[in-house]
Each structure stands twice: as C-alpha cells, then as structure tokens.
Amino acid sequence: MKKLFKWVFRVVVLVLALASLVVLFRNPILRILAEQQVRQETGMETILGRVRIDLRSPVVRLENVRLISPSEFGGRLFLDLPEIQLEYDSVALLFRRIRLRRVSFRLDEIRLVRTAQGRTNLDVLREHLGEGRLAARLAHWDWQYDGTETVVFAVGRLNYLDAREPEKSQEVYVGAREVTLKRPGSGEAIVQALARLAESRGALWAADALVPGTAKPPDNAAAR
C-alpha cells in the first residue's frame, strides 16, 4: 500500500508539473499551432511573433503576424500585421459556438503582386480560404461559427507590383487610422474597404487589382 501511494503521489506531481508547463508555455505552444493553422488556411508561409491569451478576459492577441507570398510572386512579404486582437463571447463557447464580438488589427503593409499571367497573390489567398477547411474542421468537431460583430482596422502602406503591366505598379501611404465595419460577413468586406481606401488615395490600379471593377482609371492614366 505504501509503495502504491508513492507511485500515485509521483503521478500526481507529474500531472501538476505538466499542467504548470502548459500554463507557463501556453503562448509558445499556441504560436506554433496557430502558425500551422494559418498556413493551412491561407496557403502561405506564416510567421507569428507571439500569441497571448488573457485568462482574466475573453481576448486573444496575436503579435507580429506576417504572411509571405508564394515563390511565383517573389516569395516576399504579402501582409504585415503587427497586432491582431480578437474579443470573443465566452458564454457562447459554453455552447460550442464561436462568436467574435470585436476583431481589431493594424495592417502596416500590404504588398499586392500580379504576375505576367495576370494572377495575384490575393487570388491565392481567396482560393485557399474558399476551400472551407476551417469550416469543415469546426463541423467535424461539432462547433459553429456565429460571425463577427465588429471589425476595426488601421492601414499603413499599400504596394502594388504589376509584372504584366509594370507602368501600373503603385505605392501609396493610405494612413487610415480607424476603419469600422459592422457585421462584415466575410473577409471580402475588408478587401472591398481596402479597395475604397486605395481609390480615395488615388491608387486606382491597386484598387482595381483588389476588387476588379472598383475603380476604372481614365484612358490616359497609363501615359502619365
């Protein structure tokens, strides 16, 4: 009996030690898992600086998030997001539902690239997200996504590199500090907002590359 108690005690100590390690190092572990998940969802190399979970409030923070374009687009930076903050509904989680009350992020730079064949790195992102891997996983695990209530974001610089028609390449500082979208529905609402911002700053080619048909540059624009 004494020997059995000793083994049970050791197992309990081991479990407590492992639990402590998970708590202490949960952010690095989550960072690796999040990188893998984002990479699978977007089809792009993903770099995550840090993932923070506040145990006292329903907030997840991601820091220094970077998406790298595939090699056919130069293998360079696509999106630079120094900070993303997700505020979720903790009550909804009890019923296996994911409801985001507020998503906020800062987009320091977006580098949109169009190849000589007319394909953009944004097309790659759209194609992968359109495959619905995440939705399928949630359904498999019997979870449901209930949508996002509010998205707030800031935008710094927009670069558009056009290998097909180099004269259309543009770089513009958007400088939008706070753009708010209510119940955006999908990521396309954010892309459309970016296109409108690009158009308002005179980056018509970039706006049209983001959302074809958003902005139609005048016939003499290419000659300038």
Protein backbone atom coordinates (compact mmCIF):
# COMPACT_ATOMS: atom_id res chain seq x y z
CA MET A 1 0.00 0.00 0.00
CA LYS A 2 2.81 2.39 0.87
CA LYS A 3 4.51 1.66 -2.45
CA LEU A 4 1.24 2.22 -4.36
CA PHE A 5 0.71 5.55 -2.60
CA LYS A 6 4.24 6.60 -3.57
CA TRP A 7 3.54 5.90 -7.27
CA VAL A 8 0.20 7.69 -7.15
CA PHE A 9 1.90 10.65 -5.50
CA ARG A 10 4.56 10.72 -8.24
CA VAL A 11 1.90 10.61 -10.97
CA VAL A 12 0.01 13.48 -9.36
CA VAL A 13 3.21 15.53 -9.10
CA LEU A 14 3.99 14.78 -12.75
CA VAL A 15 0.50 15.82 -13.86
CA LEU A 16 0.76 19.05 -11.88
CA ALA A 17 4.19 19.73 -13.36
CA LEU A 18 2.91 19.17 -16.89
CA ALA A 19 -0.13 21.36 -16.23
CA SER A 20 2.18 24.08 -14.93
CA LEU A 21 4.32 23.83 -18.04
CA VAL A 22 1.25 24.13 -20.28
CA VAL A 23 0.14 27.25 -18.39
CA LEU A 24 3.61 28.77 -18.40
CA PHE A 25 4.39 27.98 -22.03
CA ARG A 26 0.89 28.04 -23.49
CA ASN A 27 1.68 31.05 -25.66
CA PRO A 28 4.69 29.49 -27.45
CA ILE A 29 2.70 26.27 -27.95
CA LEU A 30 -0.28 28.20 -29.28
CA ARG A 31 2.01 30.21 -31.55
CA ILE A 32 3.25 27.06 -33.26
CA LEU A 33 -0.27 25.64 -33.58
CA ALA A 34 -1.60 28.96 -34.86
CA GLU A 35 1.18 29.22 -37.45
CA GLN A 36 0.33 25.76 -38.76
CA GLN A 37 -3.37 26.55 -38.88
CA VAL A 38 -2.96 29.88 -40.69
CA ARG A 39 -0.51 28.29 -43.14
CA GLN A 40 -3.04 25.59 -44.00
CA GLU A 41 -5.90 28.06 -44.34
CA THR A 42 -4.05 30.64 -46.46
CA GLY A 43 -1.58 28.55 -48.46
CA MET A 44 1.16 30.99 -47.47
CA GLU A 45 4.18 30.82 -45.23
CA THR A 46 3.17 32.34 -41.92
CA ILE A 47 5.29 33.95 -39.22
CA LEU A 48 3.73 34.62 -35.82
CA GLY A 49 5.72 36.56 -33.28
CA ARG A 50 3.55 35.81 -30.27
CA VAL A 51 0.12 34.60 -29.22
CA ARG A 52 -1.26 35.95 -25.96
CA ILE A 53 -4.31 34.65 -24.13
CA ASP A 54 -5.56 36.64 -21.19
CA LEU A 55 -7.06 34.18 -18.70
CA ARG A 56 -8.89 37.04 -16.97
CA SER A 57 -10.69 38.34 -20.07
CA PRO A 58 -12.04 36.84 -23.33
CA VAL A 59 -9.29 38.27 -25.52
CA VAL A 60 -6.69 36.66 -27.79
CA ARG A 61 -3.82 38.76 -29.10
CA LEU A 62 -1.53 37.90 -31.98
CA GLU A 63 1.62 39.96 -32.45
CA ASN A 64 3.89 40.45 -35.45
CA VAL A 65 1.93 38.36 -37.93
CA ARG A 66 3.41 38.12 -41.41
CA LEU A 67 2.19 36.28 -44.47
CA ILE A 68 4.78 35.54 -47.15
CA SER A 69 3.76 35.27 -50.80
CA PRO A 70 4.46 32.00 -52.67
CA SER A 71 7.60 31.85 -54.82
CA GLU A 72 5.69 32.60 -58.03
CA PHE A 73 5.06 36.08 -56.56
CA GLY A 74 8.63 36.62 -55.46
CA GLY A 75 8.45 34.94 -52.06
CA ARG A 76 8.38 38.30 -50.32
CA LEU A 77 6.14 39.87 -47.70
CA PHE A 78 2.43 39.96 -48.51
CA LEU A 79 0.85 41.18 -45.26
CA ASP A 80 2.50 42.75 -42.23
CA LEU A 81 0.19 42.80 -39.21
CA PRO A 82 1.95 43.99 -36.04
CA GLU A 83 -1.13 43.33 -33.94
CA ILE A 84 -4.42 41.44 -34.13
CA GLN A 85 -6.87 41.37 -31.25
CA LEU A 86 -9.84 39.00 -31.04
CA GLU A 87 -12.52 39.55 -28.42
CA TYR A 88 -14.83 36.55 -28.20
CA ASP A 89 -18.11 35.74 -26.46
CA SER A 90 -17.14 33.49 -23.55
CA VAL A 91 -20.75 32.44 -22.91
CA ALA A 92 -21.16 31.24 -26.49
CA LEU A 93 -18.16 28.95 -26.03
CA LEU A 94 -20.08 27.01 -23.41
CA PHE A 95 -22.49 26.01 -26.18
CA ARG A 96 -19.69 25.18 -28.66
CA ARG A 97 -20.26 28.35 -30.65
CA ILE A 98 -17.62 30.85 -31.71
CA ARG A 99 -18.89 34.42 -31.71
CA LEU A 100 -16.40 37.25 -32.11
CA ARG A 101 -17.55 40.49 -30.55
CA ARG A 102 -14.73 42.57 -31.95
CA VAL A 103 -11.75 41.98 -34.22
CA SER A 104 -9.18 44.75 -34.45
CA PHE A 105 -5.89 44.79 -36.31
CA ARG A 106 -3.20 47.07 -37.63
CA LEU A 107 -2.07 46.45 -41.20
CA ASP A 108 1.27 48.18 -41.62
CA GLU A 109 1.82 47.00 -45.17
CA ILE A 110 0.13 45.02 -47.90
CA ARG A 111 2.15 44.05 -50.96
CA LEU A 112 -0.15 43.04 -53.78
CA VAL A 113 1.63 41.33 -56.69
CA ARG A 114 0.29 40.46 -60.14
CA THR A 115 2.30 38.06 -62.28
CA ALA A 116 2.79 38.25 -66.05
CA GLN A 117 -0.04 35.71 -66.33
CA GLY A 118 -2.43 38.08 -64.55
CA ARG A 119 -2.66 36.14 -61.30
CA THR A 120 -2.29 37.89 -57.92
CA ASN A 121 -1.20 36.69 -54.51
CA LEU A 122 -4.61 37.78 -53.27
CA ASP A 123 -6.11 35.22 -55.67
CA VAL A 124 -4.10 32.52 -53.88
CA LEU A 125 -5.46 33.65 -50.53
CA ARG A 126 -9.03 33.71 -51.83
CA GLU A 127 -8.73 30.24 -53.34
CA HIS A 128 -7.41 28.65 -50.15
CA LEU A 129 -9.92 30.38 -47.89
CA GLY A 130 -12.68 29.40 -50.31
CA GLU A 131 -11.91 25.71 -49.79
CA GLY A 132 -13.51 25.96 -46.36
CA ARG A 133 -11.02 23.86 -44.41
CA LEU A 134 -11.71 25.66 -41.15
CA ALA A 135 -15.49 25.39 -41.52
CA ALA A 136 -15.13 21.67 -42.19
CA ARG A 137 -13.00 21.22 -39.07
CA LEU A 138 -15.48 23.11 -36.91
CA ALA A 139 -18.34 21.00 -38.25
CA HIS A 140 -16.34 17.82 -37.60
CA TRP A 141 -15.74 18.91 -34.00
CA ASP A 142 -19.41 19.93 -33.65
CA TRP A 143 -18.58 23.62 -33.29
CA GLN A 144 -20.29 26.51 -35.03
CA TYR A 145 -19.04 29.93 -36.08
CA ASP A 146 -21.64 32.60 -35.31
CA GLY A 147 -19.95 35.51 -37.07
CA THR A 148 -18.17 38.70 -36.12
CA GLU A 149 -19.98 41.73 -34.76
CA THR A 150 -17.41 44.47 -35.39
CA VAL A 151 -14.12 44.78 -37.26
CA VAL A 152 -11.88 47.79 -36.66
CA PHE A 153 -8.60 48.21 -38.50
CA ALA A 154 -5.86 50.64 -39.44
CA VAL A 155 -3.91 50.62 -42.70
CA GLY A 156 -0.43 51.96 -43.38
CA ARG A 157 1.21 51.38 -46.77
CA LEU A 158 -0.08 49.70 -49.91
CA ASN A 159 2.31 48.44 -52.57
CA TYR A 160 1.06 47.17 -55.91
CA LEU A 161 3.62 45.44 -58.13
CA ASP A 162 2.43 44.54 -61.63
CA ALA A 163 4.73 42.30 -63.68
CA ARG A 164 2.24 42.17 -66.51
CA GLU A 165 1.97 45.94 -66.93
CA PRO A 166 4.82 47.49 -64.89
CA GLU A 167 3.57 51.03 -65.57
CA LYS A 168 0.61 50.26 -63.34
CA SER A 169 2.76 49.50 -60.28
CA GLN A 170 1.94 51.87 -57.43
CA GLU A 171 2.94 52.62 -53.88
CA VAL A 172 0.72 54.70 -51.64
CA TYR A 173 0.59 55.57 -47.98
CA VAL A 174 -3.05 55.03 -47.03
CA GLY A 175 -2.71 56.23 -43.46
CA ALA A 176 -6.20 55.19 -42.33
CA ARG A 177 -6.21 55.05 -38.53
CA GLU A 178 -9.61 53.56 -37.81
CA VAL A 179 -11.94 51.87 -40.28
CA THR A 180 -15.00 50.23 -38.73
CA LEU A 181 -17.15 47.53 -40.31
CA LYS A 182 -20.31 46.23 -38.64
CA ARG A 183 -21.06 42.56 -39.20
CA PRO A 184 -18.77 42.25 -42.24
CA GLY A 185 -19.95 38.76 -43.09
CA SER A 186 -16.68 37.71 -44.72
CA GLY A 187 -13.13 38.82 -45.39
CA GLU A 188 -14.25 40.20 -48.75
CA ALA A 189 -15.85 43.13 -46.93
CA ILE A 190 -12.39 44.05 -45.61
CA VAL A 191 -10.86 43.73 -49.09
CA GLN A 192 -13.58 45.98 -50.51
CA ALA A 193 -12.90 48.54 -47.78
CA LEU A 194 -9.18 48.44 -48.68
CA ALA A 195 -10.06 48.96 -52.34
CA ARG A 196 -12.14 52.02 -51.50
CA LEU A 197 -9.31 53.41 -49.40
CA ALA A 198 -6.82 52.84 -52.22
CA GLU A 199 -9.18 54.57 -54.66
CA SER A 200 -9.61 57.53 -52.32
CA ARG A 201 -5.80 57.94 -52.21
CA GLY A 202 -5.53 57.88 -55.99
CA ALA A 203 -4.14 54.33 -56.24
CA LEU A 204 -6.67 53.33 -58.89
CA TRP A 205 -4.75 50.40 -60.33
CA ALA A 206 -4.23 48.94 -56.87
CA ALA A 207 -7.93 49.38 -56.07
CA ASP A 208 -8.90 47.59 -59.27
CA ALA A 209 -6.46 44.75 -58.50
CA LEU A 210 -8.01 44.31 -55.05
CA VAL A 211 -11.58 44.29 -56.37
CA PRO A 212 -11.90 44.29 -60.18
CA GLY A 213 -14.32 46.94 -61.30
CA THR A 214 -13.94 49.06 -58.15
CA ALA A 215 -12.05 51.82 -59.93
CA LYS A 216 -11.68 52.43 -63.65
CA PRO A 217 -8.66 54.62 -64.37
CA PRO A 218 -9.06 57.08 -67.25
CA ASP A 219 -7.67 56.06 -70.65
CA ASN A 220 -4.74 58.44 -70.36
CA ALA A 221 -3.75 57.25 -66.86
CA ALA A 222 -1.13 54.84 -68.14
CA ALA A 223 0.55 57.58 -70.16
CA ARG A 224 1.23 59.71 -67.11
